[in-house]
PDB file of N, CA and C in Angstrom:
ATOM      1  N   MET A   1      90.793 100.198  93.693  1.00  0.00           N
ATOM      2  CA  MET A   1      91.138 100.212  92.319  1.00  0.00           C
ATOM      3  C   MET A   1      92.402 101.053  92.111  1.00  0.00           C
ATOM      4  N   VAL A   2      93.266 100.591  91.298  1.00  0.00           N
ATOM      5  CA  VAL A   2      94.459 101.350  90.919  1.00  0.00           C
ATOM      6  C   VAL A   2      94.139 102.075  89.649  1.00  0.00           C
ATOM      7  N   LEU A   3      94.286 103.366  89.593  1.00  0.00           N
ATOM      8  CA  LEU A   3      93.993 104.145  88.374  1.00  0.00           C
ATOM      9  C   LEU A   3      94.862 103.635  87.257  1.00  0.00           C
ATOM     10  N   GLY A   4      94.314 103.560  86.066  1.00  0.00           N
ATOM     11  CA  GLY A   4      95.088 103.127  84.931  1.00  0.00           C
ATOM     12  C   GLY A   4      95.059 101.632  84.697  1.00  0.00           C
ATOM     13  N   ASN A   5      94.415 100.874  85.583  1.00  0.00           N
ATOM     14  CA  ASN A   5      94.343  99.419  85.472  1.00  0.00           C
ATOM     15  C   ASN A   5      93.281  99.145  84.379  1.00  0.00           C
ATOM     16  N   GLN A   6      93.741  98.609  83.308  1.00  0.00           N
ATOM     17  CA  GLN A   6      92.815  98.358  82.125  1.00  0.00           C
ATOM     18  C   GLN A   6      92.177  96.989  82.174  1.00  0.00           C
ATOM     19  N   SER A   7      92.542  96.166  83.187  1.00  0.00           N
ATOM     20  CA  SER A   7      91.999  94.805  83.222  1.00  0.00           C
ATOM     21  C   SER A   7      90.575  94.777  83.763  1.00  0.00           C
ATOM     22  N   LEU A   8      90.007  95.858  84.278  1.00  0.00           N
ATOM     23  CA  LEU A   8      88.679  95.881  84.832  1.00  0.00           C
ATOM     24  C   LEU A   8      87.629  95.696  83.783  1.00  0.00           C
ATOM     25  N   ASP A   9      86.692  94.770  83.915  1.00  0.00           N
ATOM     26  CA  ASP A   9      85.616  94.511  83.004  1.00  0.00           C
ATOM     27  C   ASP A   9      84.747  95.742  82.916  1.00  0.00           C
ATOM     28  N   GLU A  10      84.339  96.102  81.713  1.00  0.00           N
ATOM     29  CA  GLU A  10      83.493  97.296  81.528  1.00  0.00           C
ATOM     30  C   GLU A  10      82.204  97.244  82.338  1.00  0.00           C
ATOM     31  N   LYS A  11      81.663  96.013  82.536  1.00  0.00           N
ATOM     32  CA  LYS A  11      80.412  95.884  83.276  1.00  0.00           C
ATOM     33  C   LYS A  11      80.598  96.228  84.741  1.00  0.00           C
ATOM     34  N   LEU A  12      81.833  96.115  85.234  1.00  0.00           N
ATOM     35  CA  LEU A  12      82.135  96.399  86.644  1.00  0.00           C
ATOM     36  C   LEU A  12      82.626  97.769  86.927  1.00  0.00           C
ATOM     37  N   ARG A  13      82.957  98.499  85.870  1.00  0.00           N
ATOM     38  CA  ARG A  13      83.550  99.813  86.029  1.00  0.00           C
ATOM     39  C   ARG A  13      82.636 100.773  86.807  1.00  0.00           C
ATOM     40  N   GLY A  14      81.332 100.790  86.530  1.00  0.00           N
ATOM     41  CA  GLY A  14      80.382 101.640  87.275  1.00  0.00           C
ATOM     42  C   GLY A  14      80.342 101.279  88.719  1.00  0.00           C
ATOM     43  N   VAL A  15      80.377  99.984  89.030  1.00  0.00           N
ATOM     44  CA  VAL A  15      80.398  99.526  90.443  1.00  0.00           C
ATOM     45  C   VAL A  15      81.650 100.056  91.158  1.00  0.00           C
ATOM     46  N   GLN A  16      82.774  99.962  90.440  1.00  0.00           N
ATOM     47  CA  GLN A  16      84.029 100.404  91.023  1.00  0.00           C
ATOM     48  C   GLN A  16      83.990 101.884  91.320  1.00  0.00           C
ATOM     49  N   TYR A  17      83.475 102.673  90.373  1.00  0.00           N
ATOM     50  CA  TYR A  17      83.380 104.103  90.612  1.00  0.00           C
ATOM     51  C   TYR A  17      82.487 104.417  91.797  1.00  0.00           C
ATOM     52  N   ALA A  18      81.412 103.680  91.990  1.00  0.00           N
ATOM     53  CA  ALA A  18      80.552 103.857  93.175  1.00  0.00           C
ATOM     54  C   ALA A  18      81.292 103.589  94.459  1.00  0.00           C
ATOM     55  N   PHE A  19      82.083 102.470  94.502  1.00  0.00           N
ATOM     56  CA  PHE A  19      82.898 102.180  95.664  1.00  0.00           C
ATOM     57  C   PHE A  19      83.918 103.291  95.916  1.00  0.00           C
ATOM     58  N   ASP A  20      84.526 103.775  94.851  1.00  0.00           N
ATOM     59  CA  ASP A  20      85.535 104.835  94.994  1.00  0.00           C
ATOM     60  C   ASP A  20      84.916 106.102  95.598  1.00  0.00           C
ATOM     61  N   MET A  21      83.725 106.471  95.094  1.00  0.00           N
ATOM     62  CA  MET A  21      83.057 107.643  95.606  1.00  0.00           C
ATOM     63  C   MET A  21      82.720 107.481  97.081  1.00  0.00           C
ATOM     64  N   GLU A  22      82.242 106.299  97.433  1.00  0.00           N
ATOM     65  CA  GLU A  22      81.886 105.986  98.871  1.00  0.00           C
ATOM     66  C   GLU A  22      83.132 106.155  99.737  1.00  0.00           C
ATOM     67  N   MET A  23      84.282 105.647  99.283  1.00  0.00           N
ATOM     68  CA  MET A  23      85.496 105.730 100.096  1.00  0.00           C
ATOM     69  C   MET A  23      85.947 107.164 100.221  1.00  0.00           C
ATOM     70  N   MET A  24      85.871 107.948  99.153  1.00  0.00           N
ATOM     71  CA  MET A  24      86.289 109.308  99.185  1.00  0.00           C
ATOM     72  C   MET A  24      85.387 110.197 100.080  1.00  0.00           C
ATOM     73  N   VAL A  25      84.112 109.900 100.081  1.00  0.00           N
ATOM     74  CA  VAL A  25      83.154 110.708 100.852  1.00  0.00           C
ATOM     75  C   VAL A  25      83.181 110.332 102.346  1.00  0.00           C
ATOM     76  N   SER A  26      83.199 109.032 102.642  1.00  0.00           N
ATOM     77  CA  SER A  26      83.065 108.623 104.033  1.00  0.00           C
ATOM     78  C   SER A  26      84.372 108.484 104.760  1.00  0.00           C
ATOM     79  N   LEU A  27      85.468 108.197 104.055  1.00  0.00           N
ATOM     80  CA  LEU A  27      86.747 107.977 104.732  1.00  0.00           C
ATOM     81  C   LEU A  27      87.846 108.914 104.222  1.00  0.00           C
ATOM     82  N   THR A  28      87.529 109.950 103.538  1.00  0.00           N
ATOM     83  CA  THR A  28      88.452 110.894 102.936  1.00  0.00           C
ATOM     84  C   THR A  28      89.569 110.133 102.212  1.00  0.00           C
ATOM     85  N   GLY A  29      89.143 109.149 101.426  1.00  0.00           N
ATOM     86  CA  GLY A  29      90.100 108.376 100.622  1.00  0.00           C
ATOM     87  C   GLY A  29      90.571 109.168  99.418  1.00  0.00           C
ATOM     88  N   LYS A  30      91.535 108.559  98.688  1.00  0.00           N
ATOM     89  CA  LYS A  30      92.089 109.156  97.488  1.00  0.00           C
ATOM     90  C   LYS A  30      92.385 108.118  96.474  1.00  0.00           C
ATOM     91  N   GLU A  31      92.066 108.393  95.200  1.00  0.00           N
ATOM     92  CA  GLU A  31      92.433 107.535  94.096  1.00  0.00           C
ATOM     93  C   GLU A  31      93.890 107.726  93.789  1.00  0.00           C
ATOM     94  N   ARG A  32      94.607 106.630  93.522  1.00  0.00           N
ATOM     95  CA  ARG A  32      96.047 106.735  93.210  1.00  0.00           C
ATOM     96  C   ARG A  32      96.373 105.838  92.024  1.00  0.00           C
ATOM     97  N   THR A  33      97.368 106.268  91.250  1.00  0.00           N
ATOM     98  CA  THR A  33      97.943 105.440  90.214  1.00  0.00           C
ATOM     99  C   THR A  33      98.943 104.505  90.851  1.00  0.00           C
ATOM    100  N   GLU A  34      99.364 103.500  90.104  1.00  0.00           N
ATOM    101  CA  GLU A  34     100.390 102.570  90.639  1.00  0.00           C
ATOM    102  C   GLU A  34     101.663 103.320  91.030  1.00  0.00           C
ATOM    103  N   GLU A  35     102.040 104.322  90.225  1.00  0.00           N
ATOM    104  CA  GLU A  35     103.244 105.132  90.509  1.00  0.00           C
ATOM    105  C   GLU A  35     103.083 105.866  91.852  1.00  0.00           C
ATOM    106  N   GLU A  36     101.885 106.391  92.081  1.00  0.00           N
ATOM    107  CA  GLU A  36     101.654 107.099  93.359  1.00  0.00           C
ATOM    108  C   GLU A  36     101.684 106.161  94.531  1.00  0.00           C
ATOM    109  N   PHE A  37     101.137 104.930  94.326  1.00  0.00           N
ATOM    110  CA  PHE A  37     101.231 103.927  95.414  1.00  0.00           C
ATOM    111  C   PHE A  37     102.700 103.582  95.653  1.00  0.00           C
ATOM    112  N   ALA A  38     103.466 103.377  94.600  1.00  0.00           N
ATOM    113  CA  ALA A  38     104.900 102.995  94.731  1.00  0.00           C
ATOM    114  C   ALA A  38     105.623 104.075  95.548  1.00  0.00           C
ATOM    115  N   LYS A  39     105.429 105.357  95.221  1.00  0.00           N
ATOM    116  CA  LYS A  39     106.094 106.445  95.969  1.00  0.00           C
ATOM    117  C   LYS A  39     105.651 106.426  97.453  1.00  0.00           C
ATOM    118  N   LEU A  40     104.407 106.234  97.699  1.00  0.00           N
ATOM    119  CA  LEU A  40     103.869 106.165  99.072  1.00  0.00           C
ATOM    120  C   LEU A  40     104.566 105.019  99.815  1.00  0.00           C
ATOM    121  N   PHE A  41     104.639 103.846  99.276  1.00  0.00           N
ATOM    122  CA  PHE A  41     105.241 102.692  99.920  1.00  0.00           C
ATOM    123  C   PHE A  41     106.731 102.892 100.164  1.00  0.00           C
ATOM    124  N   PHE A  42     107.486 103.373  99.148  1.00  0.00           N
ATOM    125  CA  PHE A  42     108.914 103.556  99.305  1.00  0.00           C
ATOM    126  C   PHE A  42     109.229 104.700 100.242  1.00  0.00           C
ATOM    127  N   ASP A  43     108.432 105.791 100.242  1.00  0.00           N
ATOM    128  CA  ASP A  43     108.612 106.857 101.213  1.00  0.00           C
ATOM    129  C   ASP A  43     108.349 106.385 102.669  1.00  0.00           C
ATOM    130  N   ALA A  44     107.503 105.403 102.799  1.00  0.00           N
ATOM    131  CA  ALA A  44     107.204 104.831 104.114  1.00  0.00           C
ATOM    132  C   ALA A  44     108.241 103.807 104.570  1.00  0.00           C
ATOM    133  N   GLY A  45     109.231 103.487 103.734  1.00  0.00           N
ATOM    134  CA  GLY A  45     110.281 102.606 104.136  1.00  0.00           C
ATOM    135  C   GLY A  45     110.126 101.177 103.654  1.00  0.00           C
ATOM    136  N   PHE A  46     109.129 100.875 102.903  1.00  0.00           N
ATOM    137  CA  PHE A  46     109.001  99.523 102.366  1.00  0.00           C
ATOM    138  C   PHE A  46     109.958  99.316 101.191  1.00  0.00           C
ATOM    139  N   SER A  47     110.438  98.074 101.023  1.00  0.00           N
ATOM    140  CA  SER A  47     111.417  97.806  99.932  1.00  0.00           C
ATOM    141  C   SER A  47     110.779  97.348  98.643  1.00  0.00           C
ATOM    142  N   SER A  48     109.570  96.792  98.729  1.00  0.00           N
ATOM    143  CA  SER A  48     108.930  96.243  97.545  1.00  0.00           C
ATOM    144  C   SER A  48     107.429  96.174  97.755  1.00  0.00           C
ATOM    145  N   TYR A  49     106.704  96.021  96.672  1.00  0.00           N
ATOM    146  CA  TYR A  49     105.210  95.878  96.757  1.00  0.00           C
ATOM    147  C   TYR A  49     104.721  95.054  95.557  1.00  0.00           C
ATOM    148  N   HIS A  50     103.544  94.599  95.693  1.00  0.00           N
ATOM    149  CA  HIS A  50     102.864  93.880  94.584  1.00  0.00           C
ATOM    150  C   HIS A  50     101.364  94.157  94.663  1.00  0.00           C
ATOM    151  N   ILE A  51     100.775  94.511  93.559  1.00  0.00           N
ATOM    152  CA  ILE A  51      99.303  94.820  93.502  1.00  0.00           C
ATOM    153  C   ILE A  51      98.656  93.740  92.634  1.00  0.00           C
ATOM    154  N   ASN A  52      97.703  93.025  93.235  1.00  0.00           N
ATOM    155  CA  ASN A  52      96.976  91.947  92.542  1.00  0.00           C
ATOM    156  C   ASN A  52      95.488  92.337  92.444  1.00  0.00           C
ATOM    157  N   PRO A  53      95.008  92.580  91.242  1.00  0.00           N
ATOM    158  CA  PRO A  53      93.553  92.823  91.076  1.00  0.00           C
ATOM    159  C   PRO A  53      92.788  91.538  91.441  1.00  0.00           C
ATOM    160  N   ILE A  54      91.769  91.639  92.250  1.00  0.00           N
ATOM    161  CA  ILE A  54      90.940  90.461  92.607  1.00  0.00           C
ATOM    162  C   ILE A  54      89.465  90.855  92.597  1.00  0.00           C
ATOM    163  N   LEU A  55      88.627  89.908  92.414  1.00  0.00           N
ATOM    164  CA  LEU A  55      87.163  90.139  92.463  1.00  0.00           C
ATOM    165  C   LEU A  55      86.663  91.218  91.561  1.00  0.00           C
ATOM    166  N   GLY A  56      87.346  91.525  90.520  1.00  0.00           N
ATOM    167  CA  GLY A  56      86.890  92.517  89.552  1.00  0.00           C
ATOM    168  C   GLY A  56      86.985  93.947  90.006  1.00  0.00           C
ATOM    169  N   THR A  57      86.512  94.255  91.195  1.00  0.00           N
ATOM    170  CA  THR A  57      86.487  95.683  91.623  1.00  0.00           C
ATOM    171  C   THR A  57      87.441  95.978  92.748  1.00  0.00           C
ATOM    172  N   ARG A  58      88.191  94.987  93.190  1.00  0.00           N
ATOM    173  CA  ARG A  58      89.091  95.180  94.345  1.00  0.00           C
ATOM    174  C   ARG A  58      90.491  94.764  93.961  1.00  0.00           C
ATOM    175  N   ALA A  59      91.456  95.183  94.791  1.00  0.00           N
ATOM    176  CA  ALA A  59      92.838  94.782  94.606  1.00  0.00           C
ATOM    177  C   ALA A  59      93.439  94.404  95.953  1.00  0.00           C
ATOM    178  N   LEU A  60      94.323  93.399  95.922  1.00  0.00           N
ATOM    179  CA  LEU A  60      95.094  93.062  97.113  1.00  0.00           C
ATOM    180  C   LEU A  60      96.446  93.713  96.918  1.00  0.00           C
ATOM    181  N   ILE A  61      96.835  94.565  97.902  1.00  0.00           N
ATOM    182  CA  ILE A  61      98.138  95.213  97.847  1.00  0.00           C
ATOM    183  C   ILE A  61      99.010  94.648  98.922  1.00  0.00           C
ATOM    184  N   GLN A  62     100.200  94.098  98.517  1.00  0.00           N
ATOM    185  CA  GLN A  62     101.144  93.560  99.438  1.00  0.00           C
ATOM    186  C   GLN A  62     102.367  94.464  99.482  1.00  0.00           C
ATOM    187  N   VAL A  63     102.820  94.828 100.665  1.00  0.00           N
ATOM    188  CA  VAL A  63     104.065  95.589 100.788  1.00  0.00           C
ATOM    189  C   VAL A  63     105.016  94.772 101.647  1.00  0.00           C
ATOM    190  N   TYR A  64     106.324  94.963 101.362  1.00  0.00           N
ATOM    191  CA  TYR A  64     107.358  94.172 102.027  1.00  0.00           C
ATOM    192  C   TYR A  64     108.383  95.047 102.701  1.00  0.00           C
ATOM    193  N   PRO A  65     108.829  94.646 103.890  1.00  0.00           N
ATOM    194  CA  PRO A  65     109.827  95.478 104.641  1.00  0.00           C
ATOM    195  C   PRO A  65     111.153  95.512 103.908  1.00  0.00           C
TER     196      PRO A  65
END
């Protein structure tokens, strides 16, 4: 989930938070805003990106060289 994404259905928000907590606890993950993702991608040398929310609680993130 990208923080600040308002397209998430209220019924799925609790499920998303549970997934987020699982990722943070088991994989030392981090929640990020779209701006934080953009900085991460550009700092890593990518020229562009696109974030597509899918399946309600997930997002497909594409980065381009």
